[in-house]
Amino acid sequence: MDCVYFSFTTYTTLGMGDIEPIGDLRYLTGLESLTGLVLITWSASFLYLEMTRYWDRD
């Protein structure tokens, strides 16, 4: 369960710091964090654009 918690905090870029990767896993952790940041930003932008189109239809 610690792996799921660590992955969630890394993906959402919360970065609590209570669990730290060691060795080469640090690179994978950075990649997961960057992926989470990009996908969350993309999702928020997509939702904003869709809602703007919906509101402007009137």
PDB file of N, CA and C in Angstrom:
ATOM      1  N   MET A   1       0.816  -1.194   0.000  1.00  0.00           N
ATOM      2  CA  MET A   1       0.000   0.000   0.000  1.00  0.00           C
ATOM      3  C   MET A   1       0.860   1.258   0.000  1.00  0.00           C
ATOM      4  N   ASP A   2       2.075   1.159   0.514  1.00  0.00           N
ATOM      5  CA  ASP A   2       2.967   2.315   0.493  1.00  0.00           C
ATOM      6  C   ASP A   2       3.304   2.724  -0.936  1.00  0.00           C
ATOM      7  N   CYS A   3       3.387   1.749  -1.832  1.00  0.00           N
ATOM      8  CA  CYS A   3       3.700   2.056  -3.230  1.00  0.00           C
ATOM      9  C   CYS A   3       2.592   2.874  -3.875  1.00  0.00           C
ATOM     10  N   VAL A   4       1.348   2.526  -3.583  1.00  0.00           N
ATOM     11  CA  VAL A   4       0.213   3.262  -4.133  1.00  0.00           C
ATOM     12  C   VAL A   4       0.189   4.681  -3.576  1.00  0.00           C
ATOM     13  N   TYR A   5       0.414   4.822  -2.286  1.00  0.00           N
ATOM     14  CA  TYR A   5       0.459   6.142  -1.656  1.00  0.00           C
ATOM     15  C   TYR A   5       1.567   6.990  -2.260  1.00  0.00           C
ATOM     16  N   PHE A   6       2.745   6.409  -2.411  1.00  0.00           N
ATOM     17  CA  PHE A   6       3.873   7.143  -2.980  1.00  0.00           C
ATOM     18  C   PHE A   6       3.579   7.551  -4.417  1.00  0.00           C
ATOM     19  N   SER A   7       3.016   6.642  -5.197  1.00  0.00           N
ATOM     20  CA  SER A   7       2.697   6.944  -6.586  1.00  0.00           C
ATOM     21  C   SER A   7       1.657   8.053  -6.678  1.00  0.00           C
ATOM     22  N   PHE A   8       0.661   8.025  -5.819  1.00  0.00           N
ATOM     23  CA  PHE A   8      -0.375   9.066  -5.824  1.00  0.00           C
ATOM     24  C   PHE A   8       0.206  10.427  -5.474  1.00  0.00           C
ATOM     25  N   THR A   9       1.019  10.489  -4.436  1.00  0.00           N
ATOM     26  CA  THR A   9       1.591  11.782  -4.050  1.00  0.00           C
ATOM     27  C   THR A   9       2.576  12.286  -5.099  1.00  0.00           C
ATOM     28  N   THR A  10       3.239  11.398  -5.787  1.00  0.00           N
ATOM     29  CA  THR A  10       4.158  11.817  -6.843  1.00  0.00           C
ATOM     30  C   THR A  10       3.400  12.273  -8.076  1.00  0.00           C
ATOM     31  N   TYR A  11       2.386  11.512  -8.482  1.00  0.00           N
ATOM     32  CA  TYR A  11       1.620  11.830  -9.690  1.00  0.00           C
ATOM     33  C   TYR A  11       0.900  13.158  -9.560  1.00  0.00           C
ATOM     34  N   THR A  12       0.377  13.430  -8.380  1.00  0.00           N
ATOM     35  CA  THR A  12      -0.341  14.683  -8.168  1.00  0.00           C
ATOM     36  C   THR A  12       0.593  15.806  -7.764  1.00  0.00           C
ATOM     37  N   THR A  13       1.869  15.565  -7.768  1.00  0.00           N
ATOM     38  CA  THR A  13       2.933  16.520  -7.437  1.00  0.00           C
ATOM     39  C   THR A  13       2.774  17.119  -6.045  1.00  0.00           C
ATOM     40  N   LEU A  14       2.192  16.356  -5.136  1.00  0.00           N
ATOM     41  CA  LEU A  14       2.121  16.815  -3.751  1.00  0.00           C
ATOM     42  C   LEU A  14       3.492  16.734  -3.096  1.00  0.00           C
ATOM     43  N   GLY A  15       4.184  15.649  -3.333  1.00  0.00           N
ATOM     44  CA  GLY A  15       5.547  15.493  -2.844  1.00  0.00           C
ATOM     45  C   GLY A  15       5.690  15.657  -1.349  1.00  0.00           C
ATOM     46  N   MET A  16       5.039  14.820  -0.581  1.00  0.00           N
ATOM     47  CA  MET A  16       5.074  14.933   0.872  1.00  0.00           C
ATOM     48  C   MET A  16       6.478  14.744   1.433  1.00  0.00           C
ATOM     49  N   GLY A  17       7.269  13.872   0.860  1.00  0.00           N
ATOM     50  CA  GLY A  17       8.643  13.675   1.296  1.00  0.00           C
ATOM     51  C   GLY A  17       8.827  12.657   2.397  1.00  0.00           C
ATOM     52  N   ASP A  18       7.756  11.996   2.805  1.00  0.00           N
ATOM     53  CA  ASP A  18       7.888  10.999   3.867  1.00  0.00           C
ATOM     54  C   ASP A  18       8.420   9.667   3.344  1.00  0.00           C
ATOM     55  N   ILE A  19       8.285   9.419   2.056  1.00  0.00           N
ATOM     56  CA  ILE A  19       8.867   8.238   1.417  1.00  0.00           C
ATOM     57  C   ILE A  19       9.725   8.751   0.260  1.00  0.00           C
ATOM     58  N   GLU A  20      10.971   8.311   0.204  1.00  0.00           N
ATOM     59  CA  GLU A  20      11.873   8.782  -0.846  1.00  0.00           C
ATOM     60  C   GLU A  20      12.428   7.604  -1.641  1.00  0.00           C
ATOM     61  N   PRO A  21      12.479   7.740  -2.963  1.00  0.00           N
ATOM     62  CA  PRO A  21      13.061   6.674  -3.782  1.00  0.00           C
ATOM     63  C   PRO A  21      14.580   6.673  -3.669  1.00  0.00           C
ATOM     64  N   ILE A  22      15.155   5.513  -3.917  1.00  0.00           N
ATOM     65  CA  ILE A  22      16.612   5.415  -3.883  1.00  0.00           C
ATOM     66  C   ILE A  22      17.107   4.867  -5.215  1.00  0.00           C
ATOM     67  N   GLY A  23      18.319   5.167  -5.537  1.00  0.00           N
ATOM     68  CA  GLY A  23      18.931   4.626  -6.745  1.00  0.00           C
ATOM     69  C   GLY A  23      18.329   5.197  -8.013  1.00  0.00           C
ATOM     70  N   ASP A  24      18.238   4.336  -9.009  1.00  0.00           N
ATOM     71  CA  ASP A  24      17.743   4.759 -10.318  1.00  0.00           C
ATOM     72  C   ASP A  24      16.244   5.031 -10.340  1.00  0.00           C
ATOM     73  N   LEU A  25      15.531   4.639  -9.309  1.00  0.00           N
ATOM     74  CA  LEU A  25      14.092   4.911  -9.260  1.00  0.00           C
ATOM     75  C   LEU A  25      13.799   6.398  -9.152  1.00  0.00           C
ATOM     76  N   ARG A  26      14.782   7.174  -8.774  1.00  0.00           N
ATOM     77  CA  ARG A  26      14.581   8.623  -8.692  1.00  0.00           C
ATOM     78  C   ARG A  26      14.228   9.200 -10.061  1.00  0.00           C
ATOM     79  N   TYR A  27      14.817   8.667 -11.126  1.00  0.00           N
ATOM     80  CA  TYR A  27      14.520   9.163 -12.471  1.00  0.00           C
ATOM     81  C   TYR A  27      13.091   8.820 -12.873  1.00  0.00           C
ATOM     82  N   LEU A  28      12.665   7.623 -12.547  1.00  0.00           N
ATOM     83  CA  LEU A  28      11.295   7.215 -12.840  1.00  0.00           C
ATOM     84  C   LEU A  28      10.300   8.060 -12.048  1.00  0.00           C
ATOM     85  N   THR A  29      10.648   8.389 -10.831  1.00  0.00           N
ATOM     86  CA  THR A  29       9.793   9.227  -9.998  1.00  0.00           C
ATOM     87  C   THR A  29       9.638  10.614 -10.609  1.00  0.00           C
ATOM     88  N   GLY A  30      10.730  11.169 -11.092  1.00  0.00           N
ATOM     89  CA  GLY A  30      10.660  12.473 -11.754  1.00  0.00           C
ATOM     90  C   GLY A  30       9.796  12.439 -12.996  1.00  0.00           C
ATOM     91  N   LEU A  31       9.910  11.368 -13.757  1.00  0.00           N
ATOM     92  CA  LEU A  31       9.092  11.210 -14.958  1.00  0.00           C
ATOM     93  C   LEU A  31       7.612  11.087 -14.604  1.00  0.00           C
ATOM     94  N   GLU A  32       7.300  10.346 -13.552  1.00  0.00           N
ATOM     95  CA  GLU A  32       5.903  10.206 -13.126  1.00  0.00           C
ATOM     96  C   GLU A  32       5.347  11.544 -12.653  1.00  0.00           C
ATOM     97  N   SER A  33       6.141  12.300 -11.953  1.00  0.00           N
ATOM     98  CA  SER A  33       5.712  13.609 -11.483  1.00  0.00           C
ATOM     99  C   SER A  33       5.445  14.552 -12.650  1.00  0.00           C
ATOM    100  N   LEU A  34       6.323  14.551 -13.626  1.00  0.00           N
ATOM    101  CA  LEU A  34       6.147  15.392 -14.805  1.00  0.00           C
ATOM    102  C   LEU A  34       4.918  14.964 -15.600  1.00  0.00           C
ATOM    103  N   THR A  35       4.711  13.666 -15.738  1.00  0.00           N
ATOM    104  CA  THR A  35       3.535  13.155 -16.437  1.00  0.00           C
ATOM    105  C   THR A  35       2.253  13.577 -15.724  1.00  0.00           C
ATOM    106  N   GLY A  36       2.252  13.478 -14.411  1.00  0.00           N
ATOM    107  CA  GLY A  36       1.079  13.893 -13.647  1.00  0.00           C
ATOM    108  C   GLY A  36       0.781  15.367 -13.816  1.00  0.00           C
ATOM    109  N   LEU A  37       1.811  16.192 -13.765  1.00  0.00           N
ATOM    110  CA  LEU A  37       1.628  17.631 -13.929  1.00  0.00           C
ATOM    111  C   LEU A  37       1.067  17.958 -15.304  1.00  0.00           C
ATOM    112  N   VAL A  38       1.610  17.327 -16.333  1.00  0.00           N
ATOM    113  CA  VAL A  38       1.149  17.588 -17.696  1.00  0.00           C
ATOM    114  C   VAL A  38      -0.291  17.116 -17.882  1.00  0.00           C
ATOM    115  N   LEU A  39      -0.622  15.928 -17.407  1.00  0.00           N
ATOM    116  CA  LEU A  39      -1.978  15.408 -17.615  1.00  0.00           C
ATOM    117  C   LEU A  39      -3.028  16.150 -16.803  1.00  0.00           C
ATOM    118  N   ILE A  40      -2.694  16.556 -15.598  1.00  0.00           N
ATOM    119  CA  ILE A  40      -3.645  17.327 -14.800  1.00  0.00           C
ATOM    120  C   ILE A  40      -3.875  18.693 -15.434  1.00  0.00           C
ATOM    121  N   THR A  41      -2.804  19.330 -15.909  1.00  0.00           N
ATOM    122  CA  THR A  41      -2.929  20.625 -16.580  1.00  0.00           C
ATOM    123  C   THR A  41      -3.724  20.493 -17.868  1.00  0.00           C
ATOM    124  N   TRP A  42      -3.443  19.454 -18.646  1.00  0.00           N
ATOM    125  CA  TRP A  42      -4.173  19.242 -19.889  1.00  0.00           C
ATOM    126  C   TRP A  42      -5.658  19.010 -19.616  1.00  0.00           C
ATOM    127  N   SER A  43      -5.970  18.222 -18.604  1.00  0.00           N
ATOM    128  CA  SER A  43      -7.369  17.936 -18.276  1.00  0.00           C
ATOM    129  C   SER A  43      -8.105  19.197 -17.849  1.00  0.00           C
ATOM    130  N   ALA A  44      -7.466  20.022 -17.037  1.00  0.00           N
ATOM    131  CA  ALA A  44      -8.093  21.268 -16.593  1.00  0.00           C
ATOM    132  C   ALA A  44      -8.308  22.213 -17.775  1.00  0.00           C
ATOM    133  N   SER A  45      -7.353  22.309 -18.663  1.00  0.00           N
ATOM    134  CA  SER A  45      -7.483  23.172 -19.841  1.00  0.00           C
ATOM    135  C   SER A  45      -8.583  22.672 -20.764  1.00  0.00           C
ATOM    136  N   PHE A  46      -8.630  21.369 -20.976  1.00  0.00           N
ATOM    137  CA  PHE A  46      -9.664  20.789 -21.820  1.00  0.00           C
ATOM    138  C   PHE A  46     -11.047  21.045 -21.235  1.00  0.00           C
ATOM    139  N   LEU A  47     -11.195  20.849 -19.937  1.00  0.00           N
ATOM    140  CA  LEU A  47     -12.478  21.091 -19.285  1.00  0.00           C
ATOM    141  C   LEU A  47     -12.879  22.554 -19.395  1.00  0.00           C
ATOM    142  N   TYR A  48     -11.932  23.461 -19.210  1.00  0.00           N
ATOM    143  CA  TYR A  48     -12.220  24.891 -19.331  1.00  0.00           C
ATOM    144  C   TYR A  48     -12.686  25.238 -20.746  1.00  0.00           C
ATOM    145  N   LEU A  49     -11.998  24.731 -21.755  1.00  0.00           N
ATOM    146  CA  LEU A  49     -12.392  25.024 -23.133  1.00  0.00           C
ATOM    147  C   LEU A  49     -13.770  24.461 -23.465  1.00  0.00           C
ATOM    148  N   GLU A  50     -14.046  23.257 -23.010  1.00  0.00           N
ATOM    149  CA  GLU A  50     -15.359  22.662 -23.270  1.00  0.00           C
ATOM    150  C   GLU A  50     -16.472  23.430 -22.560  1.00  0.00           C
ATOM    151  N   MET A  51     -16.229  23.849 -21.335  1.00  0.00           N
ATOM    152  CA  MET A  51     -17.248  24.617 -20.612  1.00  0.00           C
ATOM    153  C   MET A  51     -17.443  25.991 -21.246  1.00  0.00           C
ATOM    154  N   THR A  52     -16.376  26.595 -21.737  1.00  0.00           N
ATOM    155  CA  THR A  52     -16.495  27.882 -22.424  1.00  0.00           C
ATOM    156  C   THR A  52     -17.326  27.729 -23.689  1.00  0.00           C
ATOM    157  N   ARG A  53     -17.095  26.680 -24.445  1.00  0.00           N
ATOM    158  CA  ARG A  53     -17.904  26.428 -25.646  1.00  0.00           C
ATOM    159  C   ARG A  53     -19.366  26.193 -25.280  1.00  0.00           C
ATOM    160  N   TYR A  54     -19.604  25.484 -24.205  1.00  0.00           N
ATOM    161  CA  TYR A  54     -20.971  25.199 -23.760  1.00  0.00           C
ATOM    162  C   TYR A  54     -21.686  26.478 -23.337  1.00  0.00           C
ATOM    163  N   TRP A  55     -20.996  27.330 -22.589  1.00  0.00           N
ATOM    164  CA  TRP A  55     -21.608  28.574 -22.111  1.00  0.00           C
ATOM    165  C   TRP A  55     -21.835  29.573 -23.242  1.00  0.00           C
ATOM    166  N   ASP A  56     -20.999  29.549 -24.262  1.00  0.00           N
ATOM    167  CA  ASP A  56     -21.123  30.498 -25.369  1.00  0.00           C
ATOM    168  C   ASP A  56     -22.144  30.069 -26.413  1.00  0.00           C
ATOM    169  N   ARG A  57     -22.710  28.888 -26.285  1.00  0.00           N
ATOM    170  CA  ARG A  57     -23.700  28.413 -27.258  1.00  0.00           C
ATOM    171  C   ARG A  57     -25.004  29.181 -27.175  1.00  0.00           C
ATOM    172  N   ASP A  58     -25.272  29.786 -26.068  1.00  0.00           N
ATOM    173  CA  ASP A  58     -26.576  30.457 -25.877  1.00  0.00           C
ATOM    174  C   ASP A  58     -26.783  31.602 -26.772  1.00  0.00           C
TER     175      ASP A  58
END
